[in-house]
Amino acid sequence: MATRVAMIIETRKAHPEQKLTAWLVYGR
């Protein structure tokens, strides 16, 4: 859970493009 929360926080701080990449990578 802790890892997931940290990932969400990073995604929030990340830029729009980086956010999309994170969704594609972690989405799968």
C-alpha atoms as a PDB file:
ATOM      1  CA  MET A   1       0.000   0.000   0.000  1.00  0.00           C
ATOM      2  CA  ALA A   2       2.753   2.432   0.944  1.00  0.00           C
ATOM      3  CA  THR A   3       4.319   2.031  -2.492  1.00  0.00           C
ATOM      4  CA  ARG A   4       0.993   2.692  -4.180  1.00  0.00           C
ATOM      5  CA  VAL A   5       0.428   5.855  -2.144  1.00  0.00           C
ATOM      6  CA  ALA A   6       3.923   7.115  -2.937  1.00  0.00           C
ATOM      7  CA  MET A   7       3.302   6.423  -6.629  1.00  0.00           C
ATOM      8  CA  ILE A   8       0.071   8.422  -6.530  1.00  0.00           C
ATOM      9  CA  ILE A   9       1.838  11.349  -4.849  1.00  0.00           C
ATOM     10  CA  GLU A  10       4.609  11.282  -7.466  1.00  0.00           C
ATOM     11  CA  THR A  11       2.018  11.104 -10.223  1.00  0.00           C
ATOM     12  CA  ARG A  12       0.300  14.192  -8.808  1.00  0.00           C
ATOM     13  CA  LYS A  13       3.578  16.116  -8.768  1.00  0.00           C
ATOM     14  CA  ALA A  14       4.598  14.770 -12.178  1.00  0.00           C
ATOM     15  CA  HIS A  15       4.030  16.734 -15.363  1.00  0.00           C
ATOM     16  CA  PRO A  16       1.076  15.918 -17.675  1.00  0.00           C
ATOM     17  CA  GLU A  17       3.267  13.968 -20.103  1.00  0.00           C
ATOM     18  CA  GLN A  18       4.981  12.085 -17.295  1.00  0.00           C
ATOM     19  CA  LYS A  19       1.564  11.425 -15.789  1.00  0.00           C
ATOM     20  CA  LEU A  20       0.351   9.734 -18.966  1.00  0.00           C
ATOM     21  CA  THR A  21       3.492   7.597 -19.059  1.00  0.00           C
ATOM     22  CA  ALA A  22       2.947   6.550 -15.446  1.00  0.00           C
ATOM     23  CA  TRP A  23      -0.656   5.584 -16.230  1.00  0.00           C
ATOM     24  CA  LEU A  24       0.472   3.478 -19.196  1.00  0.00           C
ATOM     25  CA  VAL A  25       3.234   1.766 -17.230  1.00  0.00           C
ATOM     26  CA  TYR A  26       1.416   1.200 -13.922  1.00  0.00           C
ATOM     27  CA  GLY A  27      -1.986   0.870 -15.586  1.00  0.00           C
ATOM     28  CA  ARG A  28      -0.983  -2.536 -16.944  1.00  0.00           C
END
